[in-house]
C-alpha cells in the first residue's frame, strides 16, 4: 500500500513537473511612452517575433505608458528582477553611474541618422553597452526615436530666445548644461508629468522628437515648435543580466534574433513616425511650426558647441573624439 502511494505520488510529481517544464518563460517588458510611438510599436513587434521564434517557449508581456513604473523607477525595478526588459532613453544611464551614455545627449554630435548609425551599430556603440554589465544589466540594442526640437509658448528662433525659459529635460548633466548654456532654466521631470506641467505653466517648454510631442498631446499646450534637430533621443533595449544569462541557449539565441529583427523595424519606422507626427501637429493648427534657416541653425550649433568641451571631463574626451572620428565631425569648422 505504501509502495502504491509512493508510486502515485511520484507519478503526480512527474505530471506537475512536465506541466511546469511546458510553462512559458514570461518576460515583462516595461516602457514609459505611448503604444503608438516608435518604441511602443517596436516593443510589440519584439513580442510577436520572440513568441514566433521560440515557438511558445517565451511569452512577452508589454506594459506601455508607465503602466508599471515611471521612468525614475524602472531601472531599479529591472535590477531587482521585477521586470526582465526595458527600453529606457539613453539619458537614464548617466544617473546610474555609466556616464559614457551621456555622449548621446551632446547637442549636434550627430547630423543625421547615417552618422548616428555608424556609432550605434558599430564598435563604439557596442563598447558603451558593455559598460552596463557590472550594474547587472545586459545591453541588447539601440532603438531610435528621433532628433529633438524645442517647443514653448513663445517663439524660439535664436539661441537668445531660450534665455529665462523653464524647459523640461530628462535627468542628464549634459542636458542641464545644454539649457544653461542657452540661458534657460532646466527642469528635470518624469515624462508622464510633462503634459500637465506644460498645461499649468510649471514649465514653459520642452525638447522632444515629434512623435513624443504628438502622442503625448503636448502640441495642445505648446504654441510654438522650432525644428532645431539639436539633439538625439534614442533608447537602449536592456535586460536583467541574471535572467538573460540564465536562459536556455536556444531560447536566448531566438531572442537575440528577435531583437535584431525588431531593431531593424524600430529604426525603419522611427523617422516615418516622426514625419507623420510633425504633419499631424501642423494640421492641428494648435502649434506654429518654424523651420530655421541654415544660418539660424548654425547659430544654435555654435552656441551649443561649448557643451562638448565642458562635458569632456565627465563623459571622456577620448570617447567624444572617437565619435567625431566615426562621423567625420569637426567642431573647428563650424
C-alpha atoms as a PDB file:
ATOM      1  CA  UNK A   1       0.000   0.000   0.000  1.00  0.00           C
ATOM      2  CA  UNK A   2       2.824   2.350   0.914  1.00  0.00           C
ATOM      3  CA  UNK A   3       4.615   1.475  -2.343  1.00  0.00           C
ATOM      4  CA  UNK A   4       1.459   2.177  -4.355  1.00  0.00           C
ATOM      5  CA  UNK A   5       1.040   5.540  -2.599  1.00  0.00           C
ATOM      6  CA  UNK A   6       4.681   6.393  -3.265  1.00  0.00           C
ATOM      7  CA  UNK A   7       4.398   5.454  -6.943  1.00  0.00           C
ATOM      8  CA  UNK A   8       1.205   7.524  -7.245  1.00  0.00           C
ATOM      9  CA  UNK A   9       2.924  10.495  -5.615  1.00  0.00           C
ATOM     10  CA  UNK A  10       5.929  10.195  -7.928  1.00  0.00           C
ATOM     11  CA  UNK A  11       3.651   9.970 -10.963  1.00  0.00           C
ATOM     12  CA  UNK A  12       1.772  13.069  -9.801  1.00  0.00           C
ATOM     13  CA  UNK A  13       5.067  14.887  -9.323  1.00  0.00           C
ATOM     14  CA  UNK A  14       6.078  13.863 -12.842  1.00  0.00           C
ATOM     15  CA  UNK A  15       2.868  15.286 -14.280  1.00  0.00           C
ATOM     16  CA  UNK A  16       3.358  18.533 -12.337  1.00  0.00           C
ATOM     17  CA  UNK A  17       6.999  18.677 -13.385  1.00  0.00           C
ATOM     18  CA  UNK A  18       6.028  18.148 -17.014  1.00  0.00           C
ATOM     19  CA  UNK A  19       3.414  20.916 -16.782  1.00  0.00           C
ATOM     20  CA  UNK A  20       5.966  23.205 -15.157  1.00  0.00           C
ATOM     21  CA  UNK A  21       8.513  22.411 -17.862  1.00  0.00           C
ATOM     22  CA  UNK A  22       5.972  23.392 -20.516  1.00  0.00           C
ATOM     23  CA  UNK A  23       5.045  26.688 -18.829  1.00  0.00           C
ATOM     24  CA  UNK A  24       6.382  29.570 -20.942  1.00  0.00           C
ATOM     25  CA  UNK A  25       9.158  31.848 -19.744  1.00  0.00           C
ATOM     26  CA  UNK A  26       7.492  35.201 -19.041  1.00  0.00           C
ATOM     27  CA  UNK A  27       9.282  38.403 -19.993  1.00  0.00           C
ATOM     28  CA  UNK A  28       7.772  41.596 -18.614  1.00  0.00           C
ATOM     29  CA  UNK A  29       8.823  44.389 -20.986  1.00  0.00           C
ATOM     30  CA  UNK A  30       8.022  47.797 -19.492  1.00  0.00           C
ATOM     31  CA  UNK A  31       8.321  51.242 -21.077  1.00  0.00           C
ATOM     32  CA  UNK A  32       7.070  54.769 -20.408  1.00  0.00           C
ATOM     33  CA  UNK A  33       5.784  56.021 -23.779  1.00  0.00           C
ATOM     34  CA  UNK A  34       2.523  55.501 -25.651  1.00  0.00           C
ATOM     35  CA  UNK A  35       1.888  52.261 -27.510  1.00  0.00           C
ATOM     36  CA  UNK A  36       1.633  54.086 -30.850  1.00  0.00           C
ATOM     37  CA  UNK A  37       5.133  55.639 -30.674  1.00  0.00           C
ATOM     38  CA  UNK A  38       8.121  54.080 -32.491  1.00  0.00           C
ATOM     39  CA  UNK A  39       9.282  52.443 -29.231  1.00  0.00           C
ATOM     40  CA  UNK A  40       5.774  51.239 -28.427  1.00  0.00           C
ATOM     41  CA  UNK A  41       5.352  49.657 -31.845  1.00  0.00           C
ATOM     42  CA  UNK A  42       8.840  48.141 -31.796  1.00  0.00           C
ATOM     43  CA  UNK A  43       8.246  46.517 -28.400  1.00  0.00           C
ATOM     44  CA  UNK A  44       5.037  44.926 -29.731  1.00  0.00           C
ATOM     45  CA  UNK A  45       6.977  43.765 -32.795  1.00  0.00           C
ATOM     46  CA  UNK A  46       9.554  42.174 -30.489  1.00  0.00           C
ATOM     47  CA  UNK A  47       6.787  40.411 -28.541  1.00  0.00           C
ATOM     48  CA  UNK A  48       5.350  38.907 -31.707  1.00  0.00           C
ATOM     49  CA  UNK A  49       8.737  37.914 -33.144  1.00  0.00           C
ATOM     50  CA  UNK A  50      10.030  36.460 -29.862  1.00  0.00           C
ATOM     51  CA  UNK A  51       6.941  34.313 -29.390  1.00  0.00           C
ATOM     52  CA  UNK A  52       7.117  33.120 -33.003  1.00  0.00           C
ATOM     53  CA  UNK A  53      10.803  32.202 -32.939  1.00  0.00           C
ATOM     54  CA  UNK A  54      10.664  30.440 -29.554  1.00  0.00           C
ATOM     55  CA  UNK A  55       7.501  28.572 -30.614  1.00  0.00           C
ATOM     56  CA  UNK A  56       5.689  29.493 -27.427  1.00  0.00           C
ATOM     57  CA  UNK A  57       8.561  28.852 -25.028  1.00  0.00           C
ATOM     58  CA  UNK A  58       8.533  32.584 -24.221  1.00  0.00           C
ATOM     59  CA  UNK A  59       5.603  34.885 -23.516  1.00  0.00           C
ATOM     60  CA  UNK A  60       6.336  38.618 -23.667  1.00  0.00           C
ATOM     61  CA  UNK A  61       4.051  40.961 -21.723  1.00  0.00           C
ATOM     62  CA  UNK A  62       4.447  44.583 -22.867  1.00  0.00           C
ATOM     63  CA  UNK A  63       3.453  47.325 -20.428  1.00  0.00           C
ATOM     64  CA  UNK A  64       3.301  50.740 -22.150  1.00  0.00           C
ATOM     65  CA  UNK A  65       2.830  54.329 -20.964  1.00  0.00           C
ATOM     66  CA  UNK A  66       4.291  53.900 -17.441  1.00  0.00           C
ATOM     67  CA  UNK A  67       1.629  51.270 -16.617  1.00  0.00           C
ATOM     68  CA  UNK A  68       4.071  49.503 -14.282  1.00  0.00           C
ATOM     69  CA  UNK A  69       6.817  52.016 -13.496  1.00  0.00           C
ATOM     70  CA  UNK A  70       7.618  55.669 -14.159  1.00  0.00           C
ATOM     71  CA  UNK A  71      10.920  56.453 -15.810  1.00  0.00           C
ATOM     72  CA  UNK A  72      12.554  57.243 -12.450  1.00  0.00           C
ATOM     73  CA  UNK A  73      11.622  53.808 -11.093  1.00  0.00           C
ATOM     74  CA  UNK A  74      12.049  51.376 -13.951  1.00  0.00           C
ATOM     75  CA  UNK A  75      15.823  50.819 -13.845  1.00  0.00           C
ATOM     76  CA  UNK A  76      15.710  49.817 -10.188  1.00  0.00           C
ATOM     77  CA  UNK A  77      12.797  47.501 -10.966  1.00  0.00           C
ATOM     78  CA  UNK A  78      14.897  45.809 -13.672  1.00  0.00           C
ATOM     79  CA  UNK A  79      17.921  45.414 -11.400  1.00  0.00           C
ATOM     80  CA  UNK A  80      15.696  43.855  -8.729  1.00  0.00           C
ATOM     81  CA  UNK A  81      14.175  41.469 -11.293  1.00  0.00           C
ATOM     82  CA  UNK A  82      10.632  42.857 -11.018  1.00  0.00           C
ATOM     83  CA  UNK A  83      10.721  43.262 -14.821  1.00  0.00           C
ATOM     84  CA  UNK A  84      13.005  41.494 -17.268  1.00  0.00           C
ATOM     85  CA  UNK A  85      13.322  44.024 -20.102  1.00  0.00           C
ATOM     86  CA  UNK A  86      13.193  47.785 -20.594  1.00  0.00           C
ATOM     87  CA  UNK A  87      13.979  50.285 -23.325  1.00  0.00           C
ATOM     88  CA  UNK A  88      14.931  53.446 -21.381  1.00  0.00           C
ATOM     89  CA  UNK A  89      16.159  56.574 -23.083  1.00  0.00           C
ATOM     90  CA  UNK A  90      19.938  56.796 -23.183  1.00  0.00           C
ATOM     91  CA  UNK A  91      19.924  59.749 -20.774  1.00  0.00           C
ATOM     92  CA  UNK A  92      18.816  57.416 -17.955  1.00  0.00           C
ATOM     93  CA  UNK A  93      22.194  55.691 -17.657  1.00  0.00           C
ATOM     94  CA  UNK A  94      24.241  58.686 -16.539  1.00  0.00           C
ATOM     95  CA  UNK A  95      22.497  58.844 -13.144  1.00  0.00           C
ATOM     96  CA  UNK A  96      23.052  55.076 -12.876  1.00  0.00           C
ATOM     97  CA  UNK A  97      26.793  55.739 -12.983  1.00  0.00           C
ATOM     98  CA  UNK A  98      27.506  54.858 -16.620  1.00  0.00           C
ATOM     99  CA  UNK A  99      28.324  58.379 -17.763  1.00  0.00           C
ATOM    100  CA  UNK A 100      29.534  57.312 -21.197  1.00  0.00           C
ATOM    101  CA  UNK A 101      25.896  57.125 -22.335  1.00  0.00           C
ATOM    102  CA  UNK A 102      25.612  60.884 -21.898  1.00  0.00           C
ATOM    103  CA  UNK A 103      27.675  61.292 -25.068  1.00  0.00           C
ATOM    104  CA  UNK A 104      24.393  60.721 -26.938  1.00  0.00           C
ATOM    105  CA  UNK A 105      22.932  63.800 -25.215  1.00  0.00           C
ATOM    106  CA  UNK A 106      25.595  66.160 -26.596  1.00  0.00           C
ATOM    107  CA  UNK A 107      23.924  68.739 -28.837  1.00  0.00           C
ATOM    108  CA  UNK A 108      24.570  68.400 -32.563  1.00  0.00           C
ATOM    109  CA  UNK A 109      27.011  65.488 -32.205  1.00  0.00           C
ATOM    110  CA  UNK A 110      25.099  63.691 -34.994  1.00  0.00           C
ATOM    111  CA  UNK A 111      23.999  65.448 -38.162  1.00  0.00           C
ATOM    112  CA  UNK A 112      21.661  62.700 -39.328  1.00  0.00           C
ATOM    113  CA  UNK A 113      20.719  59.028 -38.984  1.00  0.00           C
ATOM    114  CA  UNK A 114      23.653  57.923 -41.145  1.00  0.00           C
ATOM    115  CA  UNK A 115      26.151  59.461 -38.713  1.00  0.00           C
ATOM    116  CA  UNK A 116      24.198  58.104 -35.770  1.00  0.00           C
ATOM    117  CA  UNK A 117      24.108  54.513 -37.015  1.00  0.00           C
ATOM    118  CA  UNK A 118      27.856  54.496 -37.641  1.00  0.00           C
ATOM    119  CA  UNK A 119      28.095  54.774 -33.847  1.00  0.00           C
ATOM    120  CA  UNK A 120      25.099  52.814 -32.524  1.00  0.00           C
ATOM    121  CA  UNK A 121      25.632  49.891 -34.905  1.00  0.00           C
ATOM    122  CA  UNK A 122      29.421  49.916 -34.692  1.00  0.00           C
ATOM    123  CA  UNK A 123      32.133  49.077 -32.160  1.00  0.00           C
ATOM    124  CA  UNK A 124      31.885  52.387 -30.288  1.00  0.00           C
ATOM    125  CA  UNK A 125      28.198  51.856 -29.512  1.00  0.00           C
ATOM    126  CA  UNK A 126      28.648  48.198 -28.590  1.00  0.00           C
ATOM    127  CA  UNK A 127      31.510  49.131 -26.260  1.00  0.00           C
ATOM    128  CA  UNK A 128      29.243  51.557 -24.405  1.00  0.00           C
ATOM    129  CA  UNK A 129      26.544  48.887 -23.953  1.00  0.00           C
ATOM    130  CA  UNK A 130      29.123  46.531 -22.411  1.00  0.00           C
ATOM    131  CA  UNK A 131      29.673  49.041 -19.596  1.00  0.00           C
ATOM    132  CA  UNK A 132      26.207  48.173 -18.215  1.00  0.00           C
ATOM    133  CA  UNK A 133      27.163  44.616 -17.239  1.00  0.00           C
ATOM    134  CA  UNK A 134      28.729  45.458 -13.837  1.00  0.00           C
ATOM    135  CA  UNK A 135      25.337  47.004 -12.960  1.00  0.00           C
ATOM    136  CA  UNK A 136      23.579  43.674 -13.541  1.00  0.00           C
ATOM    137  CA  UNK A 137      22.270  44.774 -16.935  1.00  0.00           C
ATOM    138  CA  UNK A 138      22.778  43.373 -20.435  1.00  0.00           C
ATOM    139  CA  UNK A 139      22.612  45.886 -23.303  1.00  0.00           C
ATOM    140  CA  UNK A 140      20.916  44.272 -26.303  1.00  0.00           C
ATOM    141  CA  UNK A 141      20.464  47.026 -28.895  1.00  0.00           C
ATOM    142  CA  UNK A 142      19.887  50.709 -29.623  1.00  0.00           C
ATOM    143  CA  UNK A 143      16.490  51.819 -30.896  1.00  0.00           C
ATOM    144  CA  UNK A 144      15.978  55.216 -32.485  1.00  0.00           C
ATOM    145  CA  UNK A 145      13.271  57.660 -31.624  1.00  0.00           C
ATOM    146  CA  UNK A 146      14.450  60.767 -33.396  1.00  0.00           C
ATOM    147  CA  UNK A 147      16.002  64.187 -33.272  1.00  0.00           C
ATOM    148  CA  UNK A 148      14.661  66.699 -30.766  1.00  0.00           C
ATOM    149  CA  UNK A 149      13.267  70.164 -31.318  1.00  0.00           C
ATOM    150  CA  UNK A 150      12.412  72.952 -28.898  1.00  0.00           C
ATOM    151  CA  UNK A 151       8.802  73.841 -28.128  1.00  0.00           C
ATOM    152  CA  UNK A 152       7.491  76.697 -25.983  1.00  0.00           C
ATOM    153  CA  UNK A 153       4.639  79.147 -25.616  1.00  0.00           C
ATOM    154  CA  UNK A 154       6.713  81.964 -27.078  1.00  0.00           C
ATOM    155  CA  UNK A 155       8.769  81.665 -30.286  1.00  0.00           C
ATOM    156  CA  UNK A 156      12.290  80.229 -30.194  1.00  0.00           C
ATOM    157  CA  UNK A 157      14.155  81.320 -33.310  1.00  0.00           C
ATOM    158  CA  UNK A 158      17.570  82.217 -31.923  1.00  0.00           C
ATOM    159  CA  UNK A 159      19.651  80.910 -29.002  1.00  0.00           C
ATOM    160  CA  UNK A 160      18.819  84.134 -27.129  1.00  0.00           C
ATOM    161  CA  UNK A 161      15.102  83.211 -27.207  1.00  0.00           C
ATOM    162  CA  UNK A 162      15.746  80.367 -24.751  1.00  0.00           C
ATOM    163  CA  UNK A 163      17.032  82.780 -22.086  1.00  0.00           C
ATOM    164  CA  UNK A 164      14.950  82.692 -18.905  1.00  0.00           C
ATOM    165  CA  UNK A 165      12.647  79.896 -20.098  1.00  0.00           C
ATOM    166  CA  UNK A 166      11.947  76.925 -17.832  1.00  0.00           C
ATOM    167  CA  UNK A 167      12.439  73.893 -20.084  1.00  0.00           C
ATOM    168  CA  UNK A 168      11.693  70.314 -19.078  1.00  0.00           C
ATOM    169  CA  UNK A 169      14.529  67.867 -19.626  1.00  0.00           C
ATOM    170  CA  UNK A 170      15.355  64.308 -18.716  1.00  0.00           C
ATOM    171  CA  UNK A 171      17.746  63.741 -15.832  1.00  0.00           C
ATOM    172  CA  UNK A 172      21.092  64.359 -17.539  1.00  0.00           C
ATOM    173  CA  UNK A 173      24.012  66.604 -16.609  1.00  0.00           C
ATOM    174  CA  UNK A 174      24.645  67.165 -20.320  1.00  0.00           C
ATOM    175  CA  UNK A 175      21.087  68.336 -20.946  1.00  0.00           C
ATOM    176  CA  UNK A 176      21.252  70.591 -17.884  1.00  0.00           C
ATOM    177  CA  UNK A 177      24.407  72.161 -19.305  1.00  0.00           C
ATOM    178  CA  UNK A 178      22.782  72.466 -22.740  1.00  0.00           C
ATOM    179  CA  UNK A 179      19.867  74.521 -21.408  1.00  0.00           C
ATOM    180  CA  UNK A 180      22.070  76.616 -19.102  1.00  0.00           C
ATOM    181  CA  UNK A 181      24.448  77.387 -21.979  1.00  0.00           C
ATOM    182  CA  UNK A 182      21.478  78.923 -23.819  1.00  0.00           C
ATOM    183  CA  UNK A 183      20.469  80.881 -20.713  1.00  0.00           C
ATOM    184  CA  UNK A 184      17.461  78.714 -19.929  1.00  0.00           C
ATOM    185  CA  UNK A 185      16.387  77.058 -16.673  1.00  0.00           C
ATOM    186  CA  UNK A 186      16.491  73.252 -16.888  1.00  0.00           C
ATOM    187  CA  UNK A 187      13.685  71.406 -15.100  1.00  0.00           C
ATOM    188  CA  UNK A 188      14.126  67.653 -14.563  1.00  0.00           C
ATOM    189  CA  UNK A 189      10.749  65.904 -14.626  1.00  0.00           C
ATOM    190  CA  UNK A 190       9.259  62.457 -15.289  1.00  0.00           C
ATOM    191  CA  UNK A 191       7.948  62.066 -18.841  1.00  0.00           C
ATOM    192  CA  UNK A 192       4.450  61.155 -17.620  1.00  0.00           C
ATOM    193  CA  UNK A 193       4.186  64.522 -15.803  1.00  0.00           C
ATOM    194  CA  UNK A 194       5.184  66.790 -18.697  1.00  0.00           C
ATOM    195  CA  UNK A 195       1.769  67.444 -20.285  1.00  0.00           C
ATOM    196  CA  UNK A 196       0.259  68.716 -17.045  1.00  0.00           C
ATOM    197  CA  UNK A 197       3.358  70.793 -16.280  1.00  0.00           C
ATOM    198  CA  UNK A 198       3.101  72.467 -19.692  1.00  0.00           C
ATOM    199  CA  UNK A 199      -0.654  72.924 -19.332  1.00  0.00           C
ATOM    200  CA  UNK A 200      -0.365  74.603 -15.928  1.00  0.00           C
ATOM    201  CA  UNK A 201       2.720  76.674 -16.752  1.00  0.00           C
ATOM    202  CA  UNK A 202       5.006  74.886 -14.289  1.00  0.00           C
ATOM    203  CA  UNK A 203       7.401  74.749 -17.254  1.00  0.00           C
ATOM    204  CA  UNK A 204       7.452  76.973 -20.347  1.00  0.00           C
ATOM    205  CA  UNK A 205       8.566  74.405 -22.858  1.00  0.00           C
ATOM    206  CA  UNK A 206      10.496  71.241 -23.574  1.00  0.00           C
ATOM    207  CA  UNK A 207      12.545  69.332 -26.128  1.00  0.00           C
ATOM    208  CA  UNK A 208      11.185  66.258 -27.878  1.00  0.00           C
ATOM    209  CA  UNK A 209      11.104  64.310 -31.107  1.00  0.00           C
ATOM    210  CA  UNK A 210       7.833  64.980 -32.919  1.00  0.00           C
ATOM    211  CA  UNK A 211       6.315  61.546 -32.172  1.00  0.00           C
ATOM    212  CA  UNK A 212       6.670  62.055 -28.410  1.00  0.00           C
ATOM    213  CA  UNK A 213       5.219  65.539 -28.640  1.00  0.00           C
ATOM    214  CA  UNK A 214       2.207  64.434 -30.680  1.00  0.00           C
ATOM    215  CA  UNK A 215       1.343  61.151 -28.939  1.00  0.00           C
ATOM    216  CA  UNK A 216       1.504  62.839 -25.524  1.00  0.00           C
ATOM    217  CA  UNK A 217      -0.650  65.721 -26.883  1.00  0.00           C
ATOM    218  CA  UNK A 218       1.965  68.308 -25.890  1.00  0.00           C
ATOM    219  CA  UNK A 219       1.159  70.229 -29.079  1.00  0.00           C
ATOM    220  CA  UNK A 220      -2.190  71.082 -27.481  1.00  0.00           C
ATOM    221  CA  UNK A 221      -0.398  73.079 -24.763  1.00  0.00           C
ATOM    222  CA  UNK A 222       2.571  74.441 -26.764  1.00  0.00           C
ATOM    223  CA  UNK A 223       2.072  77.351 -29.164  1.00  0.00           C
ATOM    224  CA  UNK A 224       5.417  77.166 -30.964  1.00  0.00           C
ATOM    225  CA  UNK A 225       7.720  74.424 -32.241  1.00  0.00           C
ATOM    226  CA  UNK A 226      11.104  75.175 -33.827  1.00  0.00           C
ATOM    227  CA  UNK A 227      12.739  72.386 -35.840  1.00  0.00           C
ATOM    228  CA  UNK A 228      16.203  72.737 -34.364  1.00  0.00           C
ATOM    229  CA  UNK A 229      17.050  68.990 -34.510  1.00  0.00           C
ATOM    230  CA  UNK A 230      19.617  69.865 -31.856  1.00  0.00           C
ATOM    231  CA  UNK A 231      19.807  66.565 -30.021  1.00  0.00           C
ATOM    232  CA  UNK A 232      19.147  62.875 -30.386  1.00  0.00           C
ATOM    233  CA  UNK A 233      16.705  60.804 -28.361  1.00  0.00           C
ATOM    234  CA  UNK A 234      17.241  57.082 -28.516  1.00  0.00           C
ATOM    235  CA  UNK A 235      16.823  54.049 -26.346  1.00  0.00           C
ATOM    236  CA  UNK A 236      18.912  51.130 -25.173  1.00  0.00           C
ATOM    237  CA  UNK A 237      16.991  47.876 -25.032  1.00  0.00           C
ATOM    238  CA  UNK A 238      18.243  46.140 -21.908  1.00  0.00           C
ATOM    239  CA  UNK A 239      17.625  43.002 -19.878  1.00  0.00           C
ATOM    240  CA  UNK A 240      18.254  41.849 -16.330  1.00  0.00           C
ATOM    241  CA  UNK A 241      21.658  40.123 -16.648  1.00  0.00           C
ATOM    242  CA  UNK A 242      20.923  37.258 -14.258  1.00  0.00           C
ATOM    243  CA  UNK A 243      17.685  36.485 -16.100  1.00  0.00           C
ATOM    244  CA  UNK A 244      19.264  36.779 -19.559  1.00  0.00           C
ATOM    245  CA  UNK A 245      22.325  34.683 -18.723  1.00  0.00           C
ATOM    246  CA  UNK A 246      20.077  32.037 -17.140  1.00  0.00           C
ATOM    247  CA  UNK A 247      18.018  31.460 -20.297  1.00  0.00           C
ATOM    248  CA  UNK A 248      18.471  28.182 -22.196  1.00  0.00           C
ATOM    249  CA  UNK A 249      20.981  28.753 -25.001  1.00  0.00           C
ATOM    250  CA  UNK A 250      18.456  28.034 -27.779  1.00  0.00           C
ATOM    251  CA  UNK A 251      15.893  30.428 -26.293  1.00  0.00           C
ATOM    252  CA  UNK A 252      18.493  33.168 -25.860  1.00  0.00           C
ATOM    253  CA  UNK A 253      19.582  32.693 -29.464  1.00  0.00           C
ATOM    254  CA  UNK A 254      15.976  33.020 -30.648  1.00  0.00           C
ATOM    255  CA  UNK A 255      15.523  36.184 -28.582  1.00  0.00           C
ATOM    256  CA  UNK A 256      18.753  37.685 -29.967  1.00  0.00           C
ATOM    257  CA  UNK A 257      17.402  37.133 -33.482  1.00  0.00           C
ATOM    258  CA  UNK A 258      14.042  38.612 -32.481  1.00  0.00           C
ATOM    259  CA  UNK A 259      15.897  41.666 -31.130  1.00  0.00           C
ATOM    260  CA  UNK A 260      17.904  42.016 -34.349  1.00  0.00           C
ATOM    261  CA  UNK A 261      14.695  41.931 -36.406  1.00  0.00           C
ATOM    262  CA  UNK A 262      12.963  44.345 -34.021  1.00  0.00           C
ATOM    263  CA  UNK A 263      15.852  46.808 -34.149  1.00  0.00           C
ATOM    264  CA  UNK A 264      15.724  46.930 -37.954  1.00  0.00           C
ATOM    265  CA  UNK A 265      11.968  47.526 -37.708  1.00  0.00           C
ATOM    266  CA  UNK A 266      12.283  50.110 -34.924  1.00  0.00           C
ATOM    267  CA  UNK A 267      14.837  52.197 -36.777  1.00  0.00           C
ATOM    268  CA  UNK A 268      12.906  51.994 -40.038  1.00  0.00           C
ATOM    269  CA  UNK A 269       9.692  53.321 -38.558  1.00  0.00           C
ATOM    270  CA  UNK A 270      11.237  55.934 -36.257  1.00  0.00           C
ATOM    271  CA  UNK A 271      11.774  58.541 -38.957  1.00  0.00           C
ATOM    272  CA  UNK A 272       8.464  57.697 -40.645  1.00  0.00           C
ATOM    273  CA  UNK A 273       6.543  58.104 -37.391  1.00  0.00           C
ATOM    274  CA  UNK A 274       8.235  61.397 -36.584  1.00  0.00           C
ATOM    275  CA  UNK A 275       7.448  62.739 -40.058  1.00  0.00           C
ATOM    276  CA  UNK A 276       3.799  61.701 -39.695  1.00  0.00           C
ATOM    277  CA  UNK A 277       3.594  63.258 -36.236  1.00  0.00           C
ATOM    278  CA  UNK A 278       5.032  66.537 -37.496  1.00  0.00           C
ATOM    279  CA  UNK A 279       2.395  66.683 -40.236  1.00  0.00           C
ATOM    280  CA  UNK A 280      -0.310  65.950 -37.666  1.00  0.00           C
ATOM    281  CA  UNK A 281       0.997  68.741 -35.409  1.00  0.00           C
ATOM    282  CA  UNK A 282       0.888  71.165 -38.351  1.00  0.00           C
ATOM    283  CA  UNK A 283      -2.639  70.086 -39.325  1.00  0.00           C
ATOM    284  CA  UNK A 284      -3.905  70.511 -35.764  1.00  0.00           C
ATOM    285  CA  UNK A 285      -3.440  74.269 -36.082  1.00  0.00           C
ATOM    286  CA  UNK A 286      -2.607  74.454 -32.380  1.00  0.00           C
ATOM    287  CA  UNK A 287       1.156  74.799 -32.745  1.00  0.00           C
ATOM    288  CA  UNK A 288       3.021  77.098 -35.116  1.00  0.00           C
ATOM    289  CA  UNK A 289       5.931  75.165 -36.654  1.00  0.00           C
ATOM    290  CA  UNK A 290       9.029  77.143 -37.611  1.00  0.00           C
ATOM    291  CA  UNK A 291      11.843  75.850 -39.819  1.00  0.00           C
ATOM    292  CA  UNK A 292      15.097  77.710 -39.052  1.00  0.00           C
ATOM    293  CA  UNK A 293      17.195  78.988 -41.925  1.00  0.00           C
ATOM    294  CA  UNK A 294      20.650  77.486 -42.455  1.00  0.00           C
ATOM    295  CA  UNK A 295      22.231  80.470 -40.677  1.00  0.00           C
ATOM    296  CA  UNK A 296      19.779  80.280 -37.765  1.00  0.00           C
ATOM    297  CA  UNK A 297      20.548  76.574 -37.262  1.00  0.00           C
ATOM    298  CA  UNK A 298      24.259  77.293 -37.468  1.00  0.00           C
ATOM    299  CA  UNK A 299      23.827  79.893 -34.721  1.00  0.00           C
ATOM    300  CA  UNK A 300      22.350  77.197 -32.447  1.00  0.00           C
ATOM    301  CA  UNK A 301      25.221  74.826 -33.286  1.00  0.00           C
ATOM    302  CA  UNK A 302      27.848  77.437 -32.496  1.00  0.00           C
ATOM    303  CA  UNK A 303      26.095  78.443 -29.279  1.00  0.00           C
ATOM    304  CA  UNK A 304      25.965  74.838 -28.070  1.00  0.00           C
ATOM    305  CA  UNK A 305      29.442  73.615 -29.013  1.00  0.00           C
ATOM    306  CA  UNK A 306      30.937  74.704 -25.639  1.00  0.00           C
ATOM    307  CA  UNK A 307      28.824  71.940 -24.051  1.00  0.00           C
ATOM    308  CA  UNK A 308      31.050  69.347 -25.749  1.00  0.00           C
ATOM    309  CA  UNK A 309      34.184  70.796 -24.164  1.00  0.00           C
ATOM    310  CA  UNK A 310      32.599  71.254 -20.745  1.00  0.00           C
ATOM    311  CA  UNK A 311      31.486  67.614 -20.674  1.00  0.00           C
ATOM    312  CA  UNK A 312      34.840  66.091 -21.675  1.00  0.00           C
ATOM    313  CA  UNK A 313      35.878  65.539 -18.055  1.00  0.00           C
ATOM    314  CA  UNK A 314      32.548  63.840 -17.289  1.00  0.00           C
ATOM    315  CA  UNK A 315      31.995  61.696 -20.390  1.00  0.00           C
ATOM    316  CA  UNK A 316      35.577  61.174 -21.507  1.00  0.00           C
ATOM    317  CA  UNK A 317      37.444  63.172 -24.121  1.00  0.00           C
ATOM    318  CA  UNK A 318      38.601  60.009 -25.903  1.00  0.00           C
ATOM    319  CA  UNK A 319      35.017  58.772 -26.317  1.00  0.00           C
ATOM    320  CA  UNK A 320      33.856  62.107 -27.735  1.00  0.00           C
ATOM    321  CA  UNK A 321      36.820  62.140 -30.121  1.00  0.00           C
ATOM    322  CA  UNK A 322      36.080  58.560 -31.222  1.00  0.00           C
ATOM    323  CA  UNK A 323      32.573  59.635 -32.237  1.00  0.00           C
ATOM    324  CA  UNK A 324      33.955  62.647 -34.117  1.00  0.00           C
ATOM    325  CA  UNK A 325      36.215  60.208 -35.964  1.00  0.00           C
ATOM    326  CA  UNK A 326      33.344  57.838 -36.823  1.00  0.00           C
ATOM    327  CA  UNK A 327      31.127  60.630 -38.155  1.00  0.00           C
ATOM    328  CA  UNK A 328      33.755  62.956 -39.628  1.00  0.00           C
ATOM    329  CA  UNK A 329      32.571  65.820 -37.437  1.00  0.00           C
ATOM    330  CA  UNK A 330      34.972  68.715 -36.809  1.00  0.00           C
ATOM    331  CA  UNK A 331      33.701  71.422 -34.407  1.00  0.00           C
ATOM    332  CA  UNK A 332      36.509  73.733 -35.515  1.00  0.00           C
ATOM    333  CA  UNK A 333      34.906  74.032 -38.962  1.00  0.00           C
ATOM    334  CA  UNK A 334      31.618  75.447 -37.696  1.00  0.00           C
END
